[in-house]
N, C-alpha and C. Protein backbone atom coordinates (compact mmCIF):
# COMPACT_ATOMS: atom_id res chain seq x y z
N MET A 1 7.71 10.91 10.38
CA MET A 1 8.74 10.15 9.70
C MET A 1 8.09 9.36 8.56
N ILE A 2 8.76 9.33 7.45
CA ILE A 2 8.28 8.60 6.28
C ILE A 2 9.31 7.55 5.90
N PHE A 3 8.85 6.33 5.69
CA PHE A 3 9.72 5.23 5.29
C PHE A 3 9.14 4.60 4.03
N ASP A 4 9.81 4.76 2.91
CA ASP A 4 9.38 4.11 1.68
C ASP A 4 9.99 2.72 1.59
N ASN A 5 9.31 1.82 0.89
CA ASN A 5 9.73 0.43 0.77
C ASN A 5 10.04 -0.16 2.13
N TYR A 6 9.10 0.01 3.06
CA TYR A 6 9.30 -0.37 4.45
C TYR A 6 9.50 -1.87 4.63
N LEU A 7 8.75 -2.66 3.91
CA LEU A 7 8.88 -4.11 4.02
C LEU A 7 9.56 -4.68 2.78
N SER A 8 10.12 -5.88 2.90
CA SER A 8 10.65 -6.54 1.72
C SER A 8 9.50 -6.72 0.73
N GLN A 9 9.81 -6.74 -0.54
CA GLN A 9 8.76 -6.85 -1.54
C GLN A 9 7.98 -8.16 -1.40
N ASP A 10 8.68 -9.25 -1.06
CA ASP A 10 7.99 -10.54 -0.90
C ASP A 10 7.00 -10.50 0.25
N TYR A 11 7.42 -9.96 1.40
CA TYR A 11 6.52 -9.90 2.54
C TYR A 11 5.36 -8.96 2.25
N PHE A 12 5.64 -7.82 1.65
CA PHE A 12 4.58 -6.88 1.28
C PHE A 12 3.57 -7.56 0.35
N ASN A 13 4.05 -8.24 -0.68
CA ASN A 13 3.15 -8.91 -1.62
C ASN A 13 2.29 -9.97 -0.93
N SER A 14 2.86 -10.69 0.03
CA SER A 14 2.09 -11.72 0.73
C SER A 14 0.96 -11.09 1.55
N ILE A 15 1.21 -9.91 2.12
CA ILE A 15 0.16 -9.21 2.86
C ILE A 15 -0.95 -8.77 1.90
N VAL A 16 -0.57 -8.15 0.81
CA VAL A 16 -1.56 -7.64 -0.15
C VAL A 16 -2.41 -8.78 -0.71
N GLU A 17 -1.80 -9.93 -0.98
CA GLU A 17 -2.55 -11.07 -1.50
C GLU A 17 -3.63 -11.51 -0.52
N GLU A 18 -3.36 -11.43 0.76
CA GLU A 18 -4.29 -11.91 1.78
C GLU A 18 -5.38 -10.92 2.15
N ILE A 19 -5.09 -9.63 2.11
CA ILE A 19 -6.05 -8.68 2.70
C ILE A 19 -7.34 -8.54 1.92
N TYR A 20 -7.36 -8.94 0.67
CA TYR A 20 -8.61 -8.82 -0.08
C TYR A 20 -9.51 -10.05 0.11
N ASN A 21 -9.04 -11.02 0.89
CA ASN A 21 -9.82 -12.22 1.17
C ASN A 21 -10.28 -12.29 2.62
N ILE A 22 -10.29 -11.16 3.30
CA ILE A 22 -10.69 -11.12 4.71
C ILE A 22 -12.05 -10.44 4.83
N PRO A 23 -12.74 -10.66 5.94
CA PRO A 23 -14.04 -9.98 6.12
C PRO A 23 -13.87 -8.49 6.39
N TRP A 24 -14.76 -7.71 5.84
CA TRP A 24 -14.76 -6.26 6.02
C TRP A 24 -16.06 -5.84 6.69
N TYR A 25 -15.97 -4.83 7.53
CA TYR A 25 -17.12 -4.34 8.27
C TYR A 25 -17.34 -2.87 7.94
N PHE A 26 -18.57 -2.52 7.66
CA PHE A 26 -18.95 -1.16 7.30
C PHE A 26 -19.02 -0.31 8.57
N GLY A 27 -18.47 0.91 8.52
CA GLY A 27 -18.54 1.77 9.69
C GLY A 27 -18.20 3.21 9.37
N PRO A 28 -18.39 4.09 10.34
CA PRO A 28 -18.09 5.51 10.13
C PRO A 28 -16.58 5.73 10.00
N ALA A 29 -16.21 6.65 9.11
CA ALA A 29 -14.79 6.97 8.92
C ALA A 29 -14.25 7.80 10.08
N VAL A 30 -15.09 8.67 10.63
CA VAL A 30 -14.72 9.51 11.79
C VAL A 30 -15.96 9.74 12.63
N ASP A 31 -15.75 10.24 13.84
CA ASP A 31 -16.88 10.57 14.71
C ASP A 31 -17.68 11.72 14.12
N ASP A 32 -18.97 11.79 14.48
CA ASP A 32 -19.87 12.81 13.95
C ASP A 32 -19.36 14.23 14.13
N ASP A 33 -18.71 14.54 15.24
CA ASP A 33 -18.27 15.92 15.48
C ASP A 33 -17.02 16.30 14.71
N GLU A 34 -16.43 15.35 13.98
CA GLU A 34 -15.20 15.63 13.23
C GLU A 34 -15.40 15.64 11.72
N ILE A 35 -16.59 15.36 11.26
CA ILE A 35 -16.84 15.19 9.83
C ILE A 35 -16.63 16.49 9.06
N LEU A 36 -15.88 16.42 7.97
CA LEU A 36 -15.67 17.55 7.07
C LEU A 36 -16.53 17.42 5.82
N CYS A 37 -17.06 16.24 5.57
CA CYS A 37 -17.78 15.98 4.32
C CYS A 37 -19.25 15.72 4.61
N ASP A 38 -19.99 15.50 3.56
CA ASP A 38 -21.38 15.10 3.69
C ASP A 38 -21.41 13.80 4.51
N PRO A 39 -22.26 13.71 5.53
CA PRO A 39 -22.32 12.49 6.35
C PRO A 39 -22.54 11.21 5.53
N LEU A 40 -23.17 11.33 4.37
CA LEU A 40 -23.37 10.16 3.52
C LEU A 40 -22.06 9.63 2.94
N ASP A 41 -21.02 10.47 2.93
CA ASP A 41 -19.71 10.08 2.41
C ASP A 41 -18.72 9.72 3.52
N ALA A 42 -19.13 9.80 4.77
CA ALA A 42 -18.22 9.63 5.90
C ALA A 42 -18.22 8.18 6.40
N TYR A 43 -17.88 7.28 5.51
CA TYR A 43 -17.83 5.87 5.89
C TYR A 43 -16.61 5.21 5.26
N HIS A 44 -16.30 4.04 5.75
CA HIS A 44 -15.30 3.18 5.15
C HIS A 44 -15.57 1.75 5.60
N PHE A 45 -14.77 0.84 5.11
CA PHE A 45 -14.83 -0.54 5.55
C PHE A 45 -13.60 -0.80 6.41
N VAL A 46 -13.79 -1.59 7.46
CA VAL A 46 -12.73 -1.83 8.43
C VAL A 46 -12.56 -3.32 8.64
N HIS A 47 -11.31 -3.72 8.80
CA HIS A 47 -11.01 -5.08 9.26
C HIS A 47 -10.16 -4.95 10.52
N PRO A 48 -10.72 -5.33 11.68
CA PRO A 48 -9.94 -5.22 12.92
C PRO A 48 -8.85 -6.28 12.98
N ILE A 49 -7.72 -5.88 13.56
CA ILE A 49 -6.61 -6.81 13.76
C ILE A 49 -6.34 -6.99 15.25
N TYR A 50 -6.34 -5.86 15.97
CA TYR A 50 -6.06 -5.92 17.41
C TYR A 50 -6.73 -4.73 18.08
N ASP A 51 -7.41 -5.01 19.21
CA ASP A 51 -8.04 -3.93 19.96
C ASP A 51 -8.30 -4.41 21.38
N ARG A 52 -7.80 -3.66 22.32
CA ARG A 52 -8.05 -3.95 23.74
C ARG A 52 -7.73 -5.39 24.11
N TYR A 53 -6.56 -5.84 23.75
CA TYR A 53 -6.06 -7.16 24.11
C TYR A 53 -6.74 -8.31 23.37
N VAL A 54 -7.53 -8.00 22.34
CA VAL A 54 -8.17 -9.03 21.53
C VAL A 54 -7.56 -8.97 20.13
N GLN A 55 -7.05 -10.10 19.67
CA GLN A 55 -6.48 -10.12 18.33
C GLN A 55 -7.26 -11.08 17.45
N THR A 56 -7.38 -10.69 16.18
CA THR A 56 -8.07 -11.53 15.20
C THR A 56 -7.03 -12.41 14.52
N PRO A 57 -7.46 -13.41 13.77
CA PRO A 57 -6.49 -14.27 13.06
C PRO A 57 -5.56 -13.50 12.11
N THR A 58 -6.00 -12.34 11.63
CA THR A 58 -5.17 -11.53 10.72
C THR A 58 -3.91 -11.02 11.42
N TYR A 59 -3.91 -10.99 12.74
CA TYR A 59 -2.74 -10.54 13.50
C TYR A 59 -1.49 -11.27 13.04
N ASP A 60 -1.61 -12.56 12.82
CA ASP A 60 -0.44 -13.36 12.44
C ASP A 60 0.18 -12.89 11.13
N LEU A 61 -0.63 -12.41 10.21
CA LEU A 61 -0.13 -11.90 8.94
C LEU A 61 0.78 -10.69 9.15
N PHE A 62 0.50 -9.90 10.20
CA PHE A 62 1.25 -8.68 10.46
C PHE A 62 2.27 -8.81 11.59
N ARG A 63 2.45 -10.01 12.11
CA ARG A 63 3.34 -10.20 13.27
C ARG A 63 4.74 -9.63 13.03
N ASP A 64 5.35 -9.91 11.89
CA ASP A 64 6.69 -9.39 11.59
C ASP A 64 6.68 -7.88 11.40
N PHE A 65 5.60 -7.35 10.83
CA PHE A 65 5.46 -5.90 10.69
C PHE A 65 5.47 -5.25 12.08
N PHE A 66 4.69 -5.80 13.01
CA PHE A 66 4.63 -5.25 14.37
C PHE A 66 5.99 -5.33 15.06
N LYS A 67 6.71 -6.42 14.86
CA LYS A 67 8.05 -6.56 15.46
C LYS A 67 8.99 -5.46 14.94
N LYS A 68 8.88 -5.17 13.67
CA LYS A 68 9.75 -4.16 13.06
C LYS A 68 9.50 -2.76 13.62
N LEU A 69 8.29 -2.50 14.13
CA LEU A 69 7.97 -1.20 14.74
C LEU A 69 8.60 -1.03 16.12
N ASN A 70 9.17 -2.09 16.68
CA ASN A 70 9.77 -2.05 18.02
C ASN A 70 8.79 -1.54 19.07
N MET A 71 7.59 -2.09 19.03
CA MET A 71 6.55 -1.67 19.96
C MET A 71 6.80 -2.25 21.35
N GLN A 72 6.47 -1.46 22.34
CA GLN A 72 6.41 -1.98 23.70
C GLN A 72 4.97 -2.38 24.00
N THR A 73 4.01 -1.53 23.57
CA THR A 73 2.59 -1.79 23.81
C THR A 73 1.82 -1.50 22.53
N LEU A 74 1.01 -2.46 22.11
CA LEU A 74 0.12 -2.27 20.97
C LEU A 74 -1.24 -1.91 21.52
N TYR A 75 -1.78 -0.75 21.11
CA TYR A 75 -3.11 -0.33 21.53
C TYR A 75 -4.19 -0.80 20.57
N SER A 76 -3.95 -0.60 19.28
CA SER A 76 -4.95 -1.01 18.29
C SER A 76 -4.29 -1.15 16.92
N ALA A 77 -4.89 -1.98 16.09
CA ALA A 77 -4.46 -2.14 14.70
C ALA A 77 -5.67 -2.55 13.88
N LYS A 78 -5.82 -1.90 12.74
CA LYS A 78 -6.95 -2.21 11.85
C LYS A 78 -6.57 -1.82 10.44
N ILE A 79 -7.29 -2.40 9.49
CA ILE A 79 -7.11 -2.03 8.09
C ILE A 79 -8.36 -1.25 7.67
N ASN A 80 -8.14 -0.10 7.04
CA ASN A 80 -9.24 0.73 6.55
C ASN A 80 -9.26 0.68 5.02
N LEU A 81 -10.44 0.54 4.47
CA LEU A 81 -10.63 0.51 3.03
C LEU A 81 -11.71 1.52 2.66
N THR A 82 -11.35 2.48 1.82
CA THR A 82 -12.34 3.42 1.29
C THR A 82 -12.49 3.15 -0.20
N GLN A 83 -13.71 3.28 -0.67
CA GLN A 83 -13.98 3.05 -2.08
C GLN A 83 -13.74 4.31 -2.90
N ARG A 84 -13.56 4.10 -4.20
CA ARG A 84 -13.36 5.20 -5.13
C ARG A 84 -14.58 6.11 -5.13
N THR A 85 -14.31 7.40 -5.26
CA THR A 85 -15.37 8.38 -5.40
C THR A 85 -15.06 9.25 -6.62
N ASP A 86 -16.02 10.04 -7.06
CA ASP A 86 -15.83 10.89 -8.24
C ASP A 86 -14.89 12.06 -7.98
N ARG A 87 -14.78 12.45 -6.70
CA ARG A 87 -13.85 13.51 -6.30
C ARG A 87 -13.24 13.09 -4.97
N ILE A 88 -12.08 13.64 -4.66
CA ILE A 88 -11.42 13.33 -3.38
C ILE A 88 -12.28 13.88 -2.24
N ILE A 89 -12.57 13.04 -1.28
CA ILE A 89 -13.36 13.43 -0.11
C ILE A 89 -12.49 13.28 1.13
N LYS A 90 -12.34 14.38 1.89
CA LYS A 90 -11.66 14.34 3.19
C LYS A 90 -12.71 14.04 4.25
N HIS A 91 -12.41 13.11 5.12
CA HIS A 91 -13.41 12.68 6.10
C HIS A 91 -13.48 13.59 7.33
N GLY A 92 -12.37 13.91 7.95
CA GLY A 92 -12.41 14.77 9.13
C GLY A 92 -11.14 14.66 9.96
N PHE A 93 -10.66 15.80 10.46
CA PHE A 93 -9.45 15.79 11.28
C PHE A 93 -9.76 15.19 12.64
N HIS A 94 -8.86 14.32 13.09
CA HIS A 94 -9.07 13.61 14.34
C HIS A 94 -7.74 13.05 14.86
N THR A 95 -7.74 12.62 16.08
CA THR A 95 -6.66 11.79 16.62
C THR A 95 -7.24 10.41 16.84
N ASP A 96 -6.44 9.38 16.66
CA ASP A 96 -6.94 8.02 16.81
C ASP A 96 -7.14 7.66 18.28
N MET A 97 -6.19 8.09 19.10
CA MET A 97 -6.23 7.78 20.54
C MET A 97 -5.54 8.92 21.28
N GLU A 98 -5.72 8.96 22.55
CA GLU A 98 -5.05 9.96 23.37
C GLU A 98 -4.32 9.28 24.52
N LEU A 99 -3.43 8.36 24.16
CA LEU A 99 -2.70 7.59 25.16
C LEU A 99 -1.22 7.95 25.21
N GLY A 100 -0.83 8.96 24.46
CA GLY A 100 0.56 9.41 24.52
C GLY A 100 1.53 8.56 23.74
N GLY A 101 1.08 7.89 22.71
CA GLY A 101 1.96 7.05 21.93
C GLY A 101 2.14 7.55 20.51
N LEU A 102 2.26 6.61 19.61
CA LEU A 102 2.49 6.90 18.20
C LEU A 102 1.38 6.30 17.35
N THR A 103 1.16 6.92 16.21
CA THR A 103 0.27 6.36 15.19
C THR A 103 1.12 6.04 13.98
N ALA A 104 0.91 4.86 13.41
CA ALA A 104 1.58 4.46 12.18
C ALA A 104 0.51 4.20 11.13
N ILE A 105 0.72 4.73 9.95
CA ILE A 105 -0.16 4.43 8.82
C ILE A 105 0.71 3.80 7.74
N PHE A 106 0.29 2.61 7.32
CA PHE A 106 1.02 1.85 6.32
C PHE A 106 0.13 1.71 5.09
N TYR A 107 0.62 2.18 3.96
CA TYR A 107 -0.17 2.23 2.74
C TYR A 107 -0.04 0.91 1.98
N LEU A 108 -1.19 0.28 1.71
CA LEU A 108 -1.20 -1.03 1.08
C LEU A 108 -1.45 -0.98 -0.42
N ASN A 109 -1.74 0.21 -0.94
CA ASN A 109 -1.81 0.38 -2.39
C ASN A 109 -1.50 1.83 -2.74
N THR A 110 -1.12 2.03 -3.98
CA THR A 110 -0.82 3.37 -4.49
C THR A 110 -2.07 3.93 -5.14
N ASN A 111 -2.36 5.18 -4.81
CA ASN A 111 -3.54 5.85 -5.36
C ASN A 111 -3.38 7.35 -5.12
N ASN A 112 -4.33 8.15 -5.60
CA ASN A 112 -4.21 9.59 -5.44
C ASN A 112 -4.86 10.11 -4.15
N GLY A 113 -5.27 9.22 -3.27
CA GLY A 113 -5.70 9.63 -1.94
C GLY A 113 -4.49 9.99 -1.10
N TYR A 114 -4.75 10.50 0.09
CA TYR A 114 -3.63 10.93 0.93
C TYR A 114 -4.05 11.03 2.39
N THR A 115 -3.05 11.20 3.24
CA THR A 115 -3.26 11.54 4.63
C THR A 115 -2.88 13.00 4.77
N GLU A 116 -3.77 13.80 5.35
CA GLU A 116 -3.48 15.22 5.53
C GLU A 116 -3.49 15.55 7.02
N PHE A 117 -2.54 16.38 7.41
CA PHE A 117 -2.47 16.84 8.80
C PHE A 117 -3.10 18.22 8.91
N GLU A 118 -3.49 18.57 10.11
CA GLU A 118 -4.19 19.83 10.34
C GLU A 118 -3.38 21.04 9.88
N ASN A 119 -2.04 20.91 9.88
CA ASN A 119 -1.18 22.02 9.44
C ASN A 119 -1.08 22.12 7.92
N GLY A 120 -1.75 21.22 7.19
CA GLY A 120 -1.74 21.26 5.73
C GLY A 120 -0.78 20.28 5.08
N ASP A 121 0.13 19.67 5.83
CA ASP A 121 1.06 18.69 5.26
C ASP A 121 0.27 17.49 4.75
N ARG A 122 0.68 16.99 3.59
CA ARG A 122 0.03 15.83 2.98
C ARG A 122 1.05 14.73 2.71
N ILE A 123 0.64 13.51 2.96
CA ILE A 123 1.45 12.34 2.64
C ILE A 123 0.66 11.54 1.61
N GLU A 124 1.25 11.35 0.44
CA GLU A 124 0.58 10.64 -0.64
C GLU A 124 0.52 9.14 -0.32
N SER A 125 -0.51 8.49 -0.84
CA SER A 125 -0.67 7.05 -0.66
C SER A 125 0.21 6.31 -1.66
N VAL A 126 1.30 5.75 -1.17
CA VAL A 126 2.24 4.99 -2.00
C VAL A 126 2.38 3.61 -1.36
N ALA A 127 2.16 2.57 -2.15
CA ALA A 127 2.24 1.21 -1.64
C ALA A 127 3.58 0.97 -0.94
N ASN A 128 3.52 0.30 0.22
CA ASN A 128 4.69 -0.06 1.02
C ASN A 128 5.37 1.15 1.67
N ARG A 129 4.62 2.22 1.85
CA ARG A 129 5.10 3.41 2.55
C ARG A 129 4.54 3.39 3.97
N LEU A 130 5.38 3.75 4.93
CA LEU A 130 4.95 3.85 6.32
C LEU A 130 5.19 5.26 6.80
N ILE A 131 4.20 5.83 7.50
CA ILE A 131 4.42 7.09 8.19
C ILE A 131 4.17 6.85 9.68
N ILE A 132 4.94 7.53 10.50
CA ILE A 132 4.80 7.44 11.96
C ILE A 132 4.75 8.85 12.49
N PHE A 133 3.78 9.11 13.39
CA PHE A 133 3.65 10.44 13.97
C PHE A 133 3.05 10.35 15.36
N ASP A 134 3.21 11.41 16.11
CA ASP A 134 2.69 11.48 17.47
C ASP A 134 1.17 11.37 17.45
N GLN A 135 0.63 10.59 18.38
CA GLN A 135 -0.82 10.36 18.42
C GLN A 135 -1.65 11.63 18.56
N ASN A 136 -1.08 12.68 19.10
CA ASN A 136 -1.89 13.89 19.31
C ASN A 136 -1.96 14.79 18.07
N LEU A 137 -1.33 14.39 16.95
CA LEU A 137 -1.43 15.17 15.72
C LEU A 137 -2.72 14.83 14.99
N LYS A 138 -3.54 15.85 14.77
CA LYS A 138 -4.80 15.63 14.05
C LYS A 138 -4.50 15.40 12.57
N HIS A 139 -5.20 14.43 12.03
CA HIS A 139 -5.02 14.05 10.63
C HIS A 139 -6.35 13.58 10.06
N THR A 140 -6.40 13.46 8.75
CA THR A 140 -7.57 12.91 8.09
C THR A 140 -7.13 12.08 6.90
N GLY A 141 -7.94 11.09 6.59
CA GLY A 141 -7.74 10.32 5.38
C GLY A 141 -8.70 10.79 4.31
N THR A 142 -8.50 10.32 3.12
CA THR A 142 -9.35 10.70 1.99
C THR A 142 -9.76 9.45 1.21
N THR A 143 -10.63 9.69 0.27
CA THR A 143 -10.95 8.67 -0.72
C THR A 143 -9.94 8.78 -1.85
N THR A 144 -10.16 8.01 -2.89
CA THR A 144 -9.32 8.06 -4.08
C THR A 144 -10.23 8.18 -5.31
N THR A 145 -9.69 8.70 -6.38
CA THR A 145 -10.46 8.78 -7.63
C THR A 145 -9.83 7.95 -8.75
N ASP A 146 -8.61 7.47 -8.55
CA ASP A 146 -7.90 6.82 -9.66
C ASP A 146 -7.73 5.31 -9.50
N THR A 147 -8.20 4.74 -8.40
CA THR A 147 -8.23 3.28 -8.23
C THR A 147 -9.55 2.93 -7.58
N GLU A 148 -9.90 1.65 -7.57
CA GLU A 148 -11.20 1.28 -7.01
C GLU A 148 -11.25 1.37 -5.50
N LYS A 149 -10.09 1.44 -4.83
CA LYS A 149 -10.07 1.51 -3.39
C LYS A 149 -8.75 2.09 -2.89
N ARG A 150 -8.81 2.61 -1.66
CA ARG A 150 -7.63 3.06 -0.93
C ARG A 150 -7.57 2.23 0.34
N VAL A 151 -6.42 1.57 0.58
CA VAL A 151 -6.31 0.64 1.70
C VAL A 151 -5.09 1.00 2.53
N VAL A 152 -5.32 1.18 3.85
CA VAL A 152 -4.22 1.50 4.77
C VAL A 152 -4.34 0.66 6.03
N LEU A 153 -3.20 0.35 6.60
CA LEU A 153 -3.13 -0.25 7.93
C LEU A 153 -2.91 0.87 8.92
N ASN A 154 -3.72 0.91 9.96
CA ASN A 154 -3.62 1.94 10.99
C ASN A 154 -3.23 1.27 12.31
N VAL A 155 -2.12 1.72 12.92
CA VAL A 155 -1.61 1.12 14.15
C VAL A 155 -1.36 2.20 15.17
N ASN A 156 -1.81 1.97 16.41
CA ASN A 156 -1.56 2.87 17.52
C ASN A 156 -0.80 2.09 18.58
N TYR A 157 0.34 2.66 19.01
CA TYR A 157 1.23 1.90 19.90
C TYR A 157 2.13 2.83 20.71
N ARG A 158 2.89 2.22 21.58
CA ARG A 158 3.90 2.93 22.39
C ARG A 158 5.21 2.18 22.26
N THR A 159 6.31 2.93 22.18
CA THR A 159 7.63 2.28 22.06
C THR A 159 8.32 2.13 23.42
N ALA A 160 8.20 3.08 24.29
CA ALA A 160 8.87 2.95 25.60
C ALA A 160 8.14 3.75 26.66
């Protein structure tokens, strides 16, 4: 499912203003056995929001977003940031979790990067766009070539 203009413009803008002032952590974009690209390109920066019943202060910024998803159980939430590259780099097909729930990807900026599914379907990175799909669908993210960064919120949850 794809939802464009998912949040009100004011709420969306308030999120974007804050996310560039938070700490970022360097880490692998995907596990070693899933990498499609040169291992030197298989990284991104991450800001954790929620994982295993631990929430960071950034959780409050997304509280209304989480309510709008009608979640019963939140498994994890994080923001991923990939830097611009000279060519689009796909990191690797993977599933985020195997708990039988949903994955939501919320795009925080517009760029020529995308989310691609194993079947070849692509979802372009458009600011304030949300996609929701079954957790068992393999997907990959990419870098961008037309902006300095690609930023997405990644949420794994269950509705009922």
